[in-house]
Amino acid sequence: MVVGESVPDAGARLAALRNGGCTPEQAWALFDALPAVRVEEITTGRWGGDELDTGHPWQGVLVESGWCGKQFDDADSVQPLLFAGPDGEVFPVDPRRVPLFLAGKVPVAALRPVRRSLGVLRPLLSTRIPRARLRNLEFRGRSSAAMIYDHLPIIDVFRKVDENTLLGVMDMRGMRDPYFFILFRNR
């Protein structure tokens, strides 16, 4: 596939995977079929987030705890984790302050009190300093935009579904299974 070439019905294929859940193999098949997206193509601003249910142990953990997307200001200024407090106010969180080691070990229902407490926890979790950057990176045979966390062994790699949607996969040292997520351009 030529970089920049669109995938027929990519949005419909993604919607079908979102609605019925999917296997990691089905998610990889779509991810690998999608065209690369270059750092220069990713519009600055907030992007809303959701996850793709592949049965990953983290399923529901980020979303239930209040994660709602990412903020791209420029290639060197990225907030990888935006959370929404109970009042709906969105704020960037320092990824080092999120106990990722608990993901998949704590029942999703146990995270509801955390989400309700985000207003109180905000001063402890929030940051004003960018905590990631964007670079074009080769992954699975194609160079595409990737978000590299500053202080954690995590790289999020993106592929383009359409002008307003990205499919991402978290590549984290020590994580056996892929965690797929979706970003939607906020307008």
Protein backbone atom coordinates (compact mmCIF):
# COMPACT_ATOMS: atom_id res chain seq x y z
CA MET A 1 0.00 0.00 0.00
CA VAL A 2 1.26 3.48 -0.86
CA VAL A 3 1.71 5.87 2.07
CA GLY A 4 -1.23 8.26 2.09
CA GLU A 5 -3.45 5.86 0.16
CA SER A 6 -6.85 5.53 1.79
CA VAL A 7 -8.40 2.23 2.79
CA PRO A 8 -11.89 1.71 1.37
CA ASP A 9 -14.45 1.69 4.17
CA ALA A 10 -11.80 2.09 6.90
CA GLY A 11 -14.27 3.99 9.06
CA ALA A 12 -16.93 1.31 8.58
CA ARG A 13 -14.41 -1.43 9.35
CA LEU A 14 -13.36 0.36 12.54
CA ALA A 15 -17.00 0.91 13.54
CA ALA A 16 -17.75 -2.79 13.08
CA LEU A 17 -14.79 -3.73 15.29
CA ARG A 18 -15.88 -1.18 17.93
CA ASN A 19 -19.50 -2.33 18.00
CA GLY A 20 -18.93 -6.05 18.33
CA GLY A 21 -15.52 -6.26 19.93
CA CYS A 22 -12.74 -7.99 18.09
CA THR A 23 -9.69 -10.15 18.44
CA PRO A 24 -6.20 -8.68 18.48
CA GLU A 25 -5.67 -10.33 15.08
CA GLN A 26 -8.65 -8.44 13.61
CA ALA A 27 -7.38 -5.17 15.09
CA TRP A 28 -3.89 -5.83 13.71
CA ALA A 29 -5.37 -6.60 10.28
CA LEU A 30 -7.07 -3.19 10.18
CA PHE A 31 -4.06 -1.37 11.67
CA ASP A 32 -1.69 -2.91 9.11
CA ALA A 33 -4.04 -2.07 6.23
CA LEU A 34 -4.33 1.59 7.20
CA PRO A 35 -2.05 4.20 5.67
CA ALA A 36 0.68 5.81 7.70
CA VAL A 37 0.11 9.25 9.11
CA ARG A 38 3.03 11.64 9.30
CA VAL A 39 3.72 13.86 12.30
CA GLU A 40 3.14 16.88 10.06
CA GLU A 41 -0.38 15.61 9.26
CA ILE A 42 -1.56 15.38 12.87
CA THR A 43 -3.50 18.53 13.61
CA THR A 44 -2.63 20.32 16.79
CA GLY A 45 -5.17 20.48 19.56
CA ARG A 46 -7.17 18.02 21.60
CA TRP A 47 -8.08 14.60 20.32
CA GLY A 48 -10.77 12.63 22.11
CA GLY A 49 -10.01 9.03 22.96
CA ASP A 50 -11.69 5.67 23.20
CA GLU A 51 -10.47 2.11 23.28
CA LEU A 52 -10.95 -0.82 20.95
CA ASP A 53 -12.20 -3.88 22.83
CA THR A 54 -9.83 -6.72 21.94
CA GLY A 55 -10.12 -8.42 25.32
CA HIS A 56 -6.95 -6.74 26.56
CA PRO A 57 -6.46 -6.87 30.36
CA TRP A 58 -6.57 -3.06 30.40
CA GLN A 59 -10.00 -3.00 28.73
CA GLY A 60 -12.06 -0.29 30.41
CA VAL A 61 -9.32 0.75 32.84
CA LEU A 62 -8.26 4.05 31.24
CA VAL A 63 -11.71 5.10 30.06
CA GLU A 64 -13.40 4.22 33.36
CA SER A 65 -10.75 6.12 35.32
CA GLY A 66 -11.47 9.32 33.36
CA TRP A 67 -9.04 9.21 30.41
CA CYS A 68 -10.54 11.16 27.52
CA GLY A 69 -7.76 11.71 24.98
CA LYS A 70 -4.48 13.42 24.08
CA GLN A 71 -3.27 16.96 23.37
CA PHE A 72 -0.88 17.68 20.49
CA ASP A 73 0.53 21.23 20.61
CA ASP A 74 3.49 20.54 18.31
CA ALA A 75 5.90 17.68 17.69
CA ASP A 76 7.82 18.36 20.90
CA SER A 77 4.88 19.34 23.11
CA VAL A 78 2.40 16.54 23.69
CA GLN A 79 0.20 15.67 26.64
CA PRO A 80 -0.31 11.90 26.35
CA LEU A 81 -3.02 11.64 28.99
CA LEU A 82 -5.97 13.98 29.25
CA PHE A 83 -8.48 13.20 31.97
CA ALA A 84 -11.91 14.68 32.66
CA GLY A 85 -12.85 15.44 36.23
CA PRO A 86 -16.36 14.93 37.61
CA ASP A 87 -17.10 18.55 36.68
CA GLY A 88 -16.22 17.78 33.04
CA GLU A 89 -13.07 19.93 33.12
CA VAL A 90 -10.28 18.33 31.09
CA PHE A 91 -6.71 18.45 32.36
CA PRO A 92 -3.35 16.85 31.46
CA VAL A 93 -2.00 14.17 33.78
CA ASP A 94 1.64 13.30 34.33
CA PRO A 95 1.86 9.63 33.24
CA ARG A 96 4.40 8.92 36.01
CA ARG A 97 1.66 9.64 38.55
CA VAL A 98 -0.74 7.05 37.13
CA PRO A 99 -0.31 3.58 38.69
CA LEU A 100 -0.18 1.72 35.37
CA PHE A 101 1.11 -1.38 37.14
CA LEU A 102 -2.42 -1.81 38.58
CA ALA A 103 -4.05 -1.89 35.12
CA GLY A 104 -5.57 -5.28 34.54
CA LYS A 105 -5.18 -6.24 38.21
CA VAL A 106 -7.95 -4.10 39.66
CA PRO A 107 -11.58 -4.62 38.64
CA VAL A 108 -12.86 -1.86 36.38
CA ALA A 109 -15.75 -1.19 38.77
CA ALA A 110 -13.20 -0.29 41.48
CA LEU A 111 -12.10 2.67 39.36
CA ARG A 112 -15.40 4.55 39.58
CA PRO A 113 -14.45 6.14 42.93
CA VAL A 114 -11.14 7.22 41.40
CA ARG A 115 -12.98 8.99 38.61
CA ARG A 116 -15.28 10.71 41.10
CA SER A 117 -12.18 11.79 43.07
CA LEU A 118 -10.36 13.35 40.11
CA GLY A 119 -11.40 16.83 41.19
CA VAL A 120 -9.62 16.35 44.52
CA LEU A 121 -6.69 14.43 42.97
CA ARG A 122 -6.17 16.94 40.17
CA PRO A 123 -3.42 18.96 41.95
CA LEU A 124 -1.48 15.73 42.58
CA LEU A 125 -1.90 14.29 39.06
CA SER A 126 -1.90 17.26 36.71
CA THR A 127 1.01 18.75 34.83
CA ARG A 128 1.63 21.78 32.66
CA ILE A 129 4.85 20.39 31.20
CA PRO A 130 4.56 18.33 28.01
CA ARG A 131 5.18 14.65 28.80
CA ALA A 132 5.65 13.18 25.32
CA ARG A 133 6.70 14.03 21.77
CA LEU A 134 5.81 12.97 18.26
CA ARG A 135 8.25 11.38 15.84
CA ASN A 136 7.96 9.40 12.63
CA LEU A 137 8.95 5.85 13.53
CA GLU A 138 9.09 2.55 11.69
CA PHE A 139 6.74 -0.03 13.17
CA ARG A 140 5.45 -3.22 11.53
CA GLY A 141 7.18 -2.33 8.27
CA ARG A 142 5.88 1.21 7.85
CA SER A 143 7.06 4.61 9.03
CA SER A 144 4.23 6.47 10.74
CA ALA A 145 3.70 9.04 13.49
CA ALA A 146 4.38 7.78 16.98
CA MET A 147 4.07 9.38 20.39
CA ILE A 148 7.03 8.68 22.64
CA TYR A 149 6.50 9.11 26.37
CA ASP A 150 9.26 11.07 28.12
CA HIS A 151 9.57 8.96 31.27
CA LEU A 152 7.89 5.62 30.59
CA PRO A 153 8.80 2.77 28.23
CA ILE A 154 5.75 3.47 26.05
CA ILE A 155 5.38 4.36 22.40
CA ASP A 156 1.93 4.91 20.87
CA VAL A 157 1.98 4.31 17.11
CA PHE A 158 -0.75 5.83 14.90
CA ARG A 159 -2.33 4.97 11.58
CA LYS A 160 -4.85 7.09 9.70
CA VAL A 161 -8.46 5.93 9.49
CA ASP A 162 -9.61 9.23 7.97
CA GLU A 163 -8.93 12.96 8.33
CA ASN A 164 -10.50 13.03 11.79
CA THR A 165 -9.68 9.58 13.18
CA LEU A 166 -6.51 7.74 14.14
CA LEU A 167 -6.13 4.12 15.22
CA GLY A 168 -3.36 3.74 17.77
CA VAL A 169 -1.57 0.86 19.39
CA MET A 170 0.39 1.12 22.62
CA ASP A 171 3.80 -0.49 22.45
CA MET A 172 4.95 -0.86 26.05
CA ARG A 173 7.95 -2.77 27.27
CA GLY A 174 6.77 -5.86 29.13
CA MET A 175 3.19 -5.75 27.80
CA ARG A 176 2.56 -9.01 25.97
CA ASP A 177 -0.70 -8.11 24.25
CA PRO A 178 -1.36 -4.95 22.23
CA TYR A 179 -3.63 -2.24 23.60
CA PHE A 180 -5.54 -0.56 20.75
CA PHE A 181 -7.19 2.83 21.06
CA ILE A 182 -8.88 5.39 18.84
CA LEU A 183 -8.38 9.15 18.67
CA PHE A 184 -11.00 11.53 17.27
CA ARG A 185 -10.13 15.09 16.30
CA ASN A 186 -12.00 17.56 18.54
CA ARG A 187 -13.61 20.40 16.64
